[in-house]
C-alpha atoms as a PDB file:
ATOM      1  CA  MET A   1      19.113 -68.960 101.959  1.00  0.00           C
ATOM      2  CA  GLY A   2      16.312 -68.669 104.505  1.00  0.00           C
ATOM      3  CA  LEU A   3      15.431 -70.918 107.406  1.00  0.00           C
ATOM      4  CA  GLU A   4      12.529 -72.606 105.618  1.00  0.00           C
ATOM      5  CA  GLN A   5      14.690 -73.487 102.637  1.00  0.00           C
ATOM      6  CA  SER A   6      17.368 -75.102 104.742  1.00  0.00           C
ATOM      7  CA  LYS A   7      15.484 -76.654 107.626  1.00  0.00           C
ATOM      8  CA  ALA A   8      17.150 -79.581 109.342  1.00  0.00           C
ATOM      9  CA  LYS A   9      15.599 -82.861 110.382  1.00  0.00           C
ATOM     10  CA  TYR A  10      15.527 -82.199 114.100  1.00  0.00           C
ATOM     11  CA  VAL A  11      15.520 -79.463 116.729  1.00  0.00           C
ATOM     12  CA  TRP A  12      16.742 -80.223 120.242  1.00  0.00           C
ATOM     13  CA  ILE A  13      14.264 -78.974 122.869  1.00  0.00           C
ATOM     14  CA  ASN A  14      14.767 -79.633 126.577  1.00  0.00           C
ATOM     15  CA  GLY A  15      16.765 -82.778 125.902  1.00  0.00           C
ATOM     16  CA  LYS A  16      14.513 -84.271 123.215  1.00  0.00           C
ATOM     17  CA  TYR A  17      14.879 -84.445 119.444  1.00  0.00           C
ATOM     18  CA  VAL A  18      11.775 -82.930 117.878  1.00  0.00           C
ATOM     19  CA  PRO A  19      11.049 -83.007 114.111  1.00  0.00           C
ATOM     20  CA  TRP A  20      11.648 -79.554 112.629  1.00  0.00           C
ATOM     21  CA  ASP A  21       8.007 -78.883 111.745  1.00  0.00           C
ATOM     22  CA  ASP A  22       6.856 -79.921 115.229  1.00  0.00           C
ATOM     23  CA  ALA A  23       9.231 -77.591 117.100  1.00  0.00           C
ATOM     24  CA  LYS A  24       6.617 -75.273 118.591  1.00  0.00           C
ATOM     25  CA  ILE A  25       5.989 -73.331 121.805  1.00  0.00           C
ATOM     26  CA  HIS A  26       2.775 -72.064 123.419  1.00  0.00           C
ATOM     27  CA  ILE A  27       1.459 -68.646 122.384  1.00  0.00           C
ATOM     28  CA  CYS A  28       1.519 -67.598 126.043  1.00  0.00           C
ATOM     29  CA  SER A  29       5.201 -68.363 126.474  1.00  0.00           C
ATOM     30  CA  HIS A  30       6.834 -65.510 128.335  1.00  0.00           C
ATOM     31  CA  ILE A  31       9.444 -64.969 125.617  1.00  0.00           C
ATOM     32  CA  ILE A  32       6.795 -64.090 123.042  1.00  0.00           C
ATOM     33  CA  HIS A  33       5.259 -61.336 125.140  1.00  0.00           C
ATOM     34  CA  TYR A  34       8.290 -59.955 126.943  1.00  0.00           C
ATOM     35  CA  GLY A  35      11.385 -60.974 124.973  1.00  0.00           C
ATOM     36  CA  THR A  36      12.807 -63.034 127.824  1.00  0.00           C
ATOM     37  CA  GLY A  37      15.367 -65.090 125.978  1.00  0.00           C
ATOM     38  CA  VAL A  38      19.112 -65.220 125.381  1.00  0.00           C
ATOM     39  CA  PHE A  39      20.815 -66.907 122.480  1.00  0.00           C
ATOM     40  CA  GLU A  40      24.015 -67.567 120.569  1.00  0.00           C
ATOM     41  CA  GLY A  41      25.061 -67.745 116.923  1.00  0.00           C
ATOM     42  CA  ILE A  42      27.781 -70.307 116.200  1.00  0.00           C
ATOM     43  CA  ARG A  43      29.296 -71.541 112.953  1.00  0.00           C
ATOM     44  CA  CYS A  44      30.242 -75.110 112.202  1.00  0.00           C
ATOM     45  CA  TYR A  45      32.653 -75.240 109.274  1.00  0.00           C
ATOM     46  CA  LYS A  46      33.421 -77.951 106.763  1.00  0.00           C
ATOM     47  CA  THR A  47      37.106 -78.772 107.157  1.00  0.00           C
ATOM     48  CA  PRO A  48      39.487 -81.429 105.785  1.00  0.00           C
ATOM     49  CA  LYS A  49      39.177 -83.182 109.153  1.00  0.00           C
ATOM     50  CA  GLY A  50      35.366 -83.059 109.220  1.00  0.00           C
ATOM     51  CA  PRO A  51      32.836 -80.548 110.580  1.00  0.00           C
ATOM     52  CA  ALA A  52      34.358 -78.243 113.197  1.00  0.00           C
ATOM     53  CA  VAL A  53      32.522 -75.813 115.466  1.00  0.00           C
ATOM     54  CA  PHE A  54      34.290 -72.481 115.955  1.00  0.00           C
ATOM     55  CA  ARG A  55      34.881 -71.545 119.596  1.00  0.00           C
ATOM     56  CA  LEU A  56      31.994 -73.630 120.865  1.00  0.00           C
ATOM     57  CA  GLY A  57      33.032 -73.497 124.505  1.00  0.00           C
ATOM     58  CA  ASP A  58      33.361 -69.699 124.437  1.00  0.00           C
ATOM     59  CA  HIS A  59      29.928 -69.313 122.875  1.00  0.00           C
ATOM     60  CA  ILE A  60      28.314 -71.536 125.483  1.00  0.00           C
ATOM     61  CA  GLU A  61      30.111 -69.620 128.237  1.00  0.00           C
ATOM     62  CA  ARG A  62      28.652 -66.370 126.857  1.00  0.00           C
ATOM     63  CA  LEU A  63      25.207 -68.017 126.691  1.00  0.00           C
ATOM     64  CA  PHE A  64      25.418 -68.863 130.388  1.00  0.00           C
ATOM     65  CA  ASN A  65      26.682 -65.360 131.212  1.00  0.00           C
ATOM     66  CA  SER A  66      23.794 -63.802 129.265  1.00  0.00           C
ATOM     67  CA  ALA A  67      21.329 -65.959 131.174  1.00  0.00           C
ATOM     68  CA  LYS A  68      22.956 -65.135 134.521  1.00  0.00           C
ATOM     69  CA  ILE A  69      22.518 -61.401 133.927  1.00  0.00           C
ATOM     70  CA  TYR A  70      18.782 -62.009 133.470  1.00  0.00           C
ATOM     71  CA  ARG A  71      18.576 -64.347 136.486  1.00  0.00           C
ATOM     72  CA  MET A  72      17.803 -67.371 134.323  1.00  0.00           C
ATOM     73  CA  ASP A  73      19.144 -70.638 135.736  1.00  0.00           C
ATOM     74  CA  ILE A  74      19.862 -72.960 132.807  1.00  0.00           C
ATOM     75  CA  PRO A  75      18.791 -76.507 133.785  1.00  0.00           C
ATOM     76  CA  TYR A  76      21.803 -78.088 132.084  1.00  0.00           C
ATOM     77  CA  THR A  77      25.549 -77.839 132.567  1.00  0.00           C
ATOM     78  CA  ARG A  78      27.816 -76.240 129.992  1.00  0.00           C
ATOM     79  CA  GLY A  79      29.218 -79.655 129.194  1.00  0.00           C
ATOM     80  CA  GLN A  80      25.751 -81.057 128.553  1.00  0.00           C
ATOM     81  CA  ILE A  81      24.916 -78.231 126.144  1.00  0.00           C
ATOM     82  CA  ILE A  82      28.214 -78.623 124.294  1.00  0.00           C
ATOM     83  CA  LYS A  83      27.606 -82.367 123.913  1.00  0.00           C
ATOM     84  CA  ALA A  84      24.037 -81.738 122.747  1.00  0.00           C
ATOM     85  CA  VAL A  85      25.272 -79.314 120.060  1.00  0.00           C
ATOM     86  CA  ILE A  86      27.714 -81.908 118.708  1.00  0.00           C
ATOM     87  CA  ASP A  87      25.096 -84.666 118.849  1.00  0.00           C
ATOM     88  CA  LEU A  88      22.544 -82.524 117.000  1.00  0.00           C
ATOM     89  CA  ILE A  89      25.016 -81.641 114.233  1.00  0.00           C
ATOM     90  CA  ASN A  90      25.615 -85.343 113.699  1.00  0.00           C
ATOM     91  CA  LYS A  91      21.956 -86.359 113.960  1.00  0.00           C
ATOM     92  CA  ASN A  92      21.119 -83.730 111.323  1.00  0.00           C
ATOM     93  CA  GLU A  93      24.025 -84.996 109.194  1.00  0.00           C
ATOM     94  CA  HIS A  94      25.582 -81.563 108.687  1.00  0.00           C
ATOM     95  CA  ASP A  95      28.988 -81.091 107.102  1.00  0.00           C
ATOM     96  CA  GLU A  96      28.641 -77.375 107.884  1.00  0.00           C
ATOM     97  CA  CYS A  97      25.900 -75.352 109.518  1.00  0.00           C
ATOM     98  CA  TYR A  98      24.906 -72.474 111.738  1.00  0.00           C
ATOM     99  CA  VAL A  99      24.023 -73.345 115.331  1.00  0.00           C
ATOM    100  CA  ARG A 100      21.475 -71.372 117.362  1.00  0.00           C
ATOM    101  CA  PRO A 101      21.217 -72.229 121.065  1.00  0.00           C
ATOM    102  CA  ILE A 102      18.388 -70.317 122.749  1.00  0.00           C
ATOM    103  CA  VAL A 103      17.400 -70.174 126.415  1.00  0.00           C
ATOM    104  CA  TYR A 104      13.971 -68.692 127.075  1.00  0.00           C
ATOM    105  CA  ARG A 105      11.163 -68.313 129.566  1.00  0.00           C
ATOM    106  CA  GLY A 106       8.384 -70.653 128.553  1.00  0.00           C
ATOM    107  CA  TYR A 107       4.695 -71.057 129.331  1.00  0.00           C
ATOM    108  CA  HIS A 108       3.208 -70.739 132.814  1.00  0.00           C
ATOM    109  CA  GLU A 109       1.650 -67.326 133.355  1.00  0.00           C
ATOM    110  CA  LEU A 110       1.649 -63.878 131.798  1.00  0.00           C
ATOM    111  CA  GLY A 111       2.846 -60.743 133.527  1.00  0.00           C
ATOM    112  CA  VAL A 112       6.160 -58.936 133.616  1.00  0.00           C
ATOM    113  CA  ASN A 113       7.439 -61.066 136.521  1.00  0.00           C
ATOM    114  CA  PRO A 114       9.266 -63.989 134.833  1.00  0.00           C
ATOM    115  CA  PHE A 115      10.225 -66.026 137.883  1.00  0.00           C
ATOM    116  CA  ASN A 116       7.340 -68.518 137.793  1.00  0.00           C
ATOM    117  CA  CYS A 117       7.891 -69.344 134.116  1.00  0.00           C
ATOM    118  CA  PRO A 118      10.125 -72.309 133.246  1.00  0.00           C
ATOM    119  CA  VAL A 119      13.539 -71.843 131.689  1.00  0.00           C
ATOM    120  CA  ASP A 120      13.512 -73.844 128.460  1.00  0.00           C
ATOM    121  CA  VAL A 121      16.479 -74.614 126.191  1.00  0.00           C
ATOM    122  CA  ALA A 122      16.493 -75.323 122.465  1.00  0.00           C
ATOM    123  CA  LEU A 123      19.231 -75.975 119.907  1.00  0.00           C
ATOM    124  CA  ILE A 124      18.669 -75.333 116.204  1.00  0.00           C
ATOM    125  CA  THR A 125      20.951 -76.016 113.236  1.00  0.00           C
ATOM    126  CA  TRP A 126      20.615 -75.015 109.601  1.00  0.00           C
ATOM    127  CA  TYR A 127      22.704 -74.128 106.585  1.00  0.00           C
ATOM    128  CA  TRP A 128      23.371 -70.377 106.378  1.00  0.00           C
ATOM    129  CA  GLY A 129      25.561 -68.871 103.668  1.00  0.00           C
ATOM    130  CA  LYS A 130      27.426 -65.587 103.773  1.00  0.00           C
ATOM    131  CA  TYR A 131      25.371 -63.309 106.009  1.00  0.00           C
ATOM    132  CA  LEU A 132      25.915 -60.057 104.111  1.00  0.00           C
ATOM    133  CA  GLY A 133      25.857 -61.624 100.646  1.00  0.00           C
ATOM    134  CA  PRO A 134      28.020 -64.057  98.654  1.00  0.00           C
ATOM    135  CA  GLU A 135      30.393 -61.347  97.354  1.00  0.00           C
ATOM    136  CA  ALA A 136      30.666 -59.408 100.589  1.00  0.00           C
ATOM    137  CA  LEU A 137      33.895 -60.993 101.846  1.00  0.00           C
ATOM    138  CA  GLU A 138      35.754 -60.050  98.675  1.00  0.00           C
ATOM    139  CA  LYS A 139      34.170 -56.823  97.439  1.00  0.00           C
ATOM    140  CA  GLY A 140      32.901 -55.315 100.667  1.00  0.00           C
ATOM    141  CA  VAL A 141      29.526 -53.821 101.531  1.00  0.00           C
ATOM    142  CA  ASP A 142      27.912 -50.391 101.458  1.00  0.00           C
ATOM    143  CA  VAL A 143      26.577 -49.235 104.813  1.00  0.00           C
ATOM    144  CA  MET A 144      25.097 -46.178 106.508  1.00  0.00           C
ATOM    145  CA  VAL A 145      25.266 -44.653 109.966  1.00  0.00           C
ATOM    146  CA  SER A 146      21.882 -45.338 111.478  1.00  0.00           C
ATOM    147  CA  SER A 147      19.583 -42.754 112.983  1.00  0.00           C
ATOM    148  CA  TRP A 148      18.911 -45.299 115.737  1.00  0.00           C
ATOM    149  CA  ASN A 149      21.379 -45.318 118.646  1.00  0.00           C
ATOM    150  CA  ARG A 150      22.385 -48.221 120.820  1.00  0.00           C
ATOM    151  CA  MET A 151      20.760 -48.320 124.243  1.00  0.00           C
ATOM    152  CA  ALA A 152      22.117 -46.215 127.061  1.00  0.00           C
ATOM    153  CA  PRO A 153      24.099 -47.844 129.876  1.00  0.00           C
ATOM    154  CA  ASN A 154      22.004 -49.212 132.712  1.00  0.00           C
ATOM    155  CA  THR A 155      18.944 -49.680 130.491  1.00  0.00           C
ATOM    156  CA  PHE A 156      19.444 -52.921 128.565  1.00  0.00           C
ATOM    157  CA  PRO A 157      22.692 -54.816 129.293  1.00  0.00           C
ATOM    158  CA  ALA A 158      24.615 -54.914 126.021  1.00  0.00           C
ATOM    159  CA  MET A 159      26.925 -57.655 127.308  1.00  0.00           C
ATOM    160  CA  SER A 160      23.991 -60.066 127.309  1.00  0.00           C
ATOM    161  CA  LYS A 161      23.044 -61.471 123.899  1.00  0.00           C
ATOM    162  CA  THR A 162      19.375 -61.029 124.611  1.00  0.00           C
ATOM    163  CA  CYS A 163      16.419 -61.468 122.267  1.00  0.00           C
ATOM    164  CA  ALA A 164      14.898 -58.137 123.300  1.00  0.00           C
ATOM    165  CA  ASN A 165      18.073 -56.223 122.385  1.00  0.00           C
ATOM    166  CA  TYR A 166      17.602 -57.268 118.784  1.00  0.00           C
ATOM    167  CA  MET A 167      14.492 -55.138 118.448  1.00  0.00           C
ATOM    168  CA  ASN A 168      16.995 -52.271 118.382  1.00  0.00           C
ATOM    169  CA  SER A 169      19.047 -54.206 115.826  1.00  0.00           C
ATOM    170  CA  GLN A 170      15.985 -54.687 113.631  1.00  0.00           C
ATOM    171  CA  LEU A 171      15.357 -50.948 113.509  1.00  0.00           C
ATOM    172  CA  ILE A 172      18.964 -50.388 112.407  1.00  0.00           C
ATOM    173  CA  LYS A 173      18.812 -53.155 109.807  1.00  0.00           C
ATOM    174  CA  MET A 174      15.428 -52.209 108.348  1.00  0.00           C
ATOM    175  CA  GLU A 175      16.379 -48.564 108.006  1.00  0.00           C
ATOM    176  CA  ALA A 176      19.575 -49.482 106.164  1.00  0.00           C
ATOM    177  CA  LEU A 177      17.762 -51.813 103.768  1.00  0.00           C
ATOM    178  CA  LYS A 178      15.031 -49.293 103.040  1.00  0.00           C
ATOM    179  CA  TYR A 179      17.656 -46.694 102.118  1.00  0.00           C
ATOM    180  CA  GLY A 180      19.451 -49.128  99.810  1.00  0.00           C
ATOM    181  CA  PHE A 181      22.333 -50.162 102.057  1.00  0.00           C
ATOM    182  CA  VAL A 182      23.347 -53.625 103.196  1.00  0.00           C
ATOM    183  CA  GLU A 183      23.825 -52.762 106.856  1.00  0.00           C
ATOM    184  CA  GLY A 184      23.764 -49.952 109.391  1.00  0.00           C
ATOM    185  CA  ILE A 185      26.307 -48.743 111.938  1.00  0.00           C
ATOM    186  CA  ALA A 186      24.886 -47.590 115.251  1.00  0.00           C
ATOM    187  CA  LEU A 187      26.318 -44.891 117.493  1.00  0.00           C
ATOM    188  CA  ASP A 188      26.085 -45.086 121.254  1.00  0.00           C
ATOM    189  CA  VAL A 189      23.993 -42.724 123.355  1.00  0.00           C
ATOM    190  CA  SER A 190      26.852 -40.180 123.391  1.00  0.00           C
ATOM    191  CA  GLY A 191      27.346 -40.243 119.626  1.00  0.00           C
ATOM    192  CA  PHE A 192      30.445 -42.455 119.539  1.00  0.00           C
ATOM    193  CA  VAL A 193      30.803 -45.412 117.174  1.00  0.00           C
ATOM    194  CA  SER A 194      29.268 -48.600 118.593  1.00  0.00           C
ATOM    195  CA  GLU A 195      28.601 -51.538 116.243  1.00  0.00           C
ATOM    196  CA  GLY A 196      26.451 -52.864 113.410  1.00  0.00           C
ATOM    197  CA  SER A 197      23.017 -54.389 113.870  1.00  0.00           C
ATOM    198  CA  GLY A 198      24.616 -57.786 114.415  1.00  0.00           C
ATOM    199  CA  GLU A 199      28.348 -57.231 114.014  1.00  0.00           C
ATOM    200  CA  ASN A 200      31.282 -55.680 115.817  1.00  0.00           C
ATOM    201  CA  LEU A 201      33.244 -53.025 113.957  1.00  0.00           C
ATOM    202  CA  PHE A 202      36.926 -52.279 113.336  1.00  0.00           C
ATOM    203  CA  LEU A 203      38.669 -49.498 111.451  1.00  0.00           C
ATOM    204  CA  VAL A 204      42.257 -49.066 110.309  1.00  0.00           C
ATOM    205  CA  HIS A 205      43.852 -45.621 110.399  1.00  0.00           C
ATOM    206  CA  LYS A 206      47.525 -45.076 109.554  1.00  0.00           C
ATOM    207  CA  GLY A 207      48.336 -48.714 110.159  1.00  0.00           C
ATOM    208  CA  VAL A 208      46.684 -48.941 113.597  1.00  0.00           C
ATOM    209  CA  ILE A 209      43.568 -51.057 114.122  1.00  0.00           C
ATOM    210  CA  HIS A 210      40.872 -49.461 116.271  1.00  0.00           C
ATOM    211  CA  THR A 211      37.691 -50.992 117.692  1.00  0.00           C
ATOM    212  CA  PRO A 212      35.114 -49.654 120.175  1.00  0.00           C
ATOM    213  CA  PRO A 213      35.469 -50.826 123.798  1.00  0.00           C
ATOM    214  CA  LEU A 214      32.795 -52.598 125.835  1.00  0.00           C
ATOM    215  CA  HIS A 215      31.522 -49.326 127.287  1.00  0.00           C
ATOM    216  CA  ALA A 216      30.503 -48.202 123.792  1.00  0.00           C
ATOM    217  CA  THR A 217      27.458 -50.470 124.292  1.00  0.00           C
ATOM    218  CA  ILE A 218      28.775 -53.378 122.251  1.00  0.00           C
ATOM    219  CA  LEU A 219      28.371 -57.111 122.541  1.00  0.00           C
ATOM    220  CA  PRO A 220      31.667 -58.750 123.571  1.00  0.00           C
ATOM    221  CA  GLY A 221      32.019 -60.536 120.256  1.00  0.00           C
ATOM    222  CA  ILE A 222      33.832 -63.853 120.056  1.00  0.00           C
ATOM    223  CA  THR A 223      34.912 -63.284 116.451  1.00  0.00           C
ATOM    224  CA  ARG A 224      35.947 -59.783 117.559  1.00  0.00           C
ATOM    225  CA  HIS A 225      38.204 -61.335 120.199  1.00  0.00           C
ATOM    226  CA  SER A 226      39.567 -63.803 117.631  1.00  0.00           C
ATOM    227  CA  VAL A 227      40.469 -61.008 115.212  1.00  0.00           C
ATOM    228  CA  ILE A 228      42.144 -58.953 117.943  1.00  0.00           C
ATOM    229  CA  THR A 229      44.180 -62.033 118.905  1.00  0.00           C
ATOM    230  CA  LEU A 230      45.223 -62.750 115.317  1.00  0.00           C
ATOM    231  CA  ALA A 231      46.013 -59.084 114.602  1.00  0.00           C
ATOM    232  CA  ARG A 232      48.310 -58.772 117.615  1.00  0.00           C
ATOM    233  CA  GLU A 233      49.934 -62.086 116.747  1.00  0.00           C
ATOM    234  CA  LEU A 234      50.717 -60.618 113.295  1.00  0.00           C
ATOM    235  CA  GLY A 235      52.327 -57.567 114.906  1.00  0.00           C
ATOM    236  CA  TYR A 236      49.563 -55.018 114.364  1.00  0.00           C
ATOM    237  CA  GLU A 237      48.773 -52.452 117.040  1.00  0.00           C
ATOM    238  CA  VAL A 238      45.164 -52.827 118.186  1.00  0.00           C
ATOM    239  CA  THR A 239      43.465 -50.232 120.378  1.00  0.00           C
ATOM    240  CA  GLU A 240      40.056 -50.394 122.024  1.00  0.00           C
ATOM    241  CA  THR A 241      38.996 -46.767 122.014  1.00  0.00           C
ATOM    242  CA  MET A 242      35.990 -44.480 121.746  1.00  0.00           C
ATOM    243  CA  MET A 243      35.710 -43.099 118.218  1.00  0.00           C
ATOM    244  CA  PRO A 244      33.692 -40.171 116.856  1.00  0.00           C
ATOM    245  CA  ARG A 245      31.557 -40.771 113.775  1.00  0.00           C
ATOM    246  CA  GLU A 246      33.908 -38.885 111.472  1.00  0.00           C
ATOM    247  CA  MET A 247      36.661 -41.447 112.091  1.00  0.00           C
ATOM    248  CA  LEU A 248      34.625 -43.768 109.874  1.00  0.00           C
ATOM    249  CA  TYR A 249      34.964 -41.356 106.953  1.00  0.00           C
ATOM    250  CA  ILE A 250      38.730 -40.844 107.138  1.00  0.00           C
ATOM    251  CA  ALA A 251      39.662 -44.456 107.914  1.00  0.00           C
ATOM    252  CA  ASP A 252      41.846 -46.367 105.459  1.00  0.00           C
ATOM    253  CA  GLU A 253      39.863 -49.576 106.057  1.00  0.00           C
ATOM    254  CA  VAL A 254      36.692 -50.499 107.948  1.00  0.00           C
ATOM    255  CA  PHE A 255      35.338 -53.995 108.510  1.00  0.00           C
ATOM    256  CA  PHE A 256      32.700 -55.942 110.395  1.00  0.00           C
ATOM    257  CA  THR A 257      33.282 -59.090 112.431  1.00  0.00           C
ATOM    258  CA  GLY A 258      30.795 -61.614 113.744  1.00  0.00           C
ATOM    259  CA  SER A 259      29.899 -65.284 113.756  1.00  0.00           C
ATOM    260  CA  ALA A 260      27.524 -64.690 110.846  1.00  0.00           C
ATOM    261  CA  ALA A 261      29.486 -61.911 109.086  1.00  0.00           C
ATOM    262  CA  GLU A 262      32.933 -63.452 109.782  1.00  0.00           C
ATOM    263  CA  VAL A 263      35.369 -60.727 108.554  1.00  0.00           C
ATOM    264  CA  THR A 264      33.503 -58.528 106.067  1.00  0.00           C
ATOM    265  CA  PRO A 265      35.081 -55.355 104.584  1.00  0.00           C
ATOM    266  CA  ILE A 266      33.087 -52.133 104.284  1.00  0.00           C
ATOM    267  CA  ARG A 267      33.651 -50.243 101.030  1.00  0.00           C
ATOM    268  CA  SER A 268      31.525 -47.160 101.702  1.00  0.00           C
ATOM    269  CA  ILE A 269      29.794 -45.438 104.611  1.00  0.00           C
ATOM    270  CA  ASP A 270      27.030 -42.895 103.955  1.00  0.00           C
ATOM    271  CA  LYS A 271      28.121 -43.023 100.293  1.00  0.00           C
ATOM    272  CA  ILE A 272      31.650 -41.924 101.259  1.00  0.00           C
ATOM    273  CA  GLN A 273      34.236 -44.341  99.880  1.00  0.00           C
ATOM    274  CA  VAL A 274      36.383 -46.111 102.446  1.00  0.00           C
ATOM    275  CA  GLY A 275      40.029 -46.206 101.325  1.00  0.00           C
ATOM    276  CA  GLU A 276      40.167 -47.555  97.788  1.00  0.00           C
ATOM    277  CA  GLY A 277      36.598 -48.819  97.956  1.00  0.00           C
ATOM    278  CA  LYS A 278      37.527 -52.482  98.289  1.00  0.00           C
ATOM    279  CA  CYS A 279      38.922 -54.942 100.788  1.00  0.00           C
ATOM    280  CA  GLY A 280      42.044 -53.309 102.237  1.00  0.00           C
ATOM    281  CA  PRO A 281      45.367 -55.091 102.814  1.00  0.00           C
ATOM    282  CA  ILE A 282      45.078 -55.432 106.588  1.00  0.00           C
ATOM    283  CA  THR A 283      41.478 -56.623 106.366  1.00  0.00           C
ATOM    284  CA  LYS A 284      42.520 -59.122 103.690  1.00  0.00           C
ATOM    285  CA  LYS A 285      45.381 -60.414 105.819  1.00  0.00           C
ATOM    286  CA  LEU A 286      43.083 -60.887 108.818  1.00  0.00           C
ATOM    287  CA  GLN A 287      40.536 -62.651 106.623  1.00  0.00           C
ATOM    288  CA  GLN A 288      43.223 -65.018 105.370  1.00  0.00           C
ATOM    289  CA  GLU A 289      44.496 -65.858 108.836  1.00  0.00           C
ATOM    290  CA  PHE A 290      40.960 -66.319 110.171  1.00  0.00           C
ATOM    291  CA  PHE A 291      40.051 -68.765 107.415  1.00  0.00           C
ATOM    292  CA  LYS A 292      43.387 -70.571 107.663  1.00  0.00           C
ATOM    293  CA  VAL A 293      42.367 -71.622 111.171  1.00  0.00           C
ATOM    294  CA  ILE A 294      39.014 -72.841 109.924  1.00  0.00           C
ATOM    295  CA  ASP A 295      40.474 -74.590 106.873  1.00  0.00           C
ATOM    296  CA  GLY A 296      43.140 -76.345 108.926  1.00  0.00           C
ATOM    297  CA  LYS A 297      45.936 -74.549 107.074  1.00  0.00           C
ATOM    298  CA  ARG A 298      47.537 -73.255 110.238  1.00  0.00           C
ATOM    299  CA  GLU A 299      47.969 -74.651 113.718  1.00  0.00           C
ATOM    300  CA  ASP A 300      44.913 -74.274 115.926  1.00  0.00           C
ATOM    301  CA  LYS A 301      47.106 -73.210 118.823  1.00  0.00           C
ATOM    302  CA  TYR A 302      44.263 -71.472 120.638  1.00  0.00           C
ATOM    303  CA  ASN A 303      42.056 -74.587 120.464  1.00  0.00           C
ATOM    304  CA  TRP A 304      39.258 -72.712 118.733  1.00  0.00           C
ATOM    305  CA  LEU A 305      37.915 -75.728 116.806  1.00  0.00           C
ATOM    306  CA  THR A 306      35.747 -78.488 118.264  1.00  0.00           C
ATOM    307  CA  PHE A 307      35.387 -81.343 115.798  1.00  0.00           C
ATOM    308  CA  ALA A 308      31.948 -82.877 115.565  1.00  0.00           C
ATOM    309  CA  ARG A 309      33.133 -86.207 114.196  1.00  0.00           C
END
């Protein structure tokens, strides 16, 4: 379901509720010309206790960290943004939704120098189904290794969830779709496994769970951290290690994680079947534990849920 099909009543912009169709910015806003924005993707789930936002505080912390890297001073506190997210969910009467906070350089003057442009903040909510398709969580997805690499260190900071970085993601995604795949896997500048266009990646080999480390040019994913935490709690060995491309082909299981993708199994890579070509047992177990937290079927001992009502 696209944005237009699921638009909400209001968007929060610089502290004001603006009707969805009136949520506009000037054509000369710095973000349009130079990509100067940072953002987050957050899920609010429908639970037996009401709508609950998954790891809201951690997402807002990453938003502030992303902005700090780009020398953008957010004119609100973390607490104010968290409260505004909850208030917007309720004002839009969501039982579940996707939340998109974005911090961006607005309209003042054009030119590469961003310092004279204001730092604006907006919050958007909408309904968004399963990111990689309605059957992806159960049956898995077919992906390819992209011809596009992730950026080299000391070019674009991968630890910042920055609008401009997603131009690279778009190239990876478009290539995969044009070749008939659901998603692409990018390698880093040295040819080691990095991540998907908008997802972190894990593989299972001989019972050990492997995932690329931060220096493989990955975003420090919050769902990634959640899955590592749950996996270790269940007794699995988890290693953060550099992996050559061929590890993808001999893995017993491979899966994506992300706020949008959640925990999505990969059934083939470059038309090579992964394991038995379906959701593997360890991936399935991690899926179950992840959704138990969201569904309130297990104790939220890490305080990952923030209830909106």
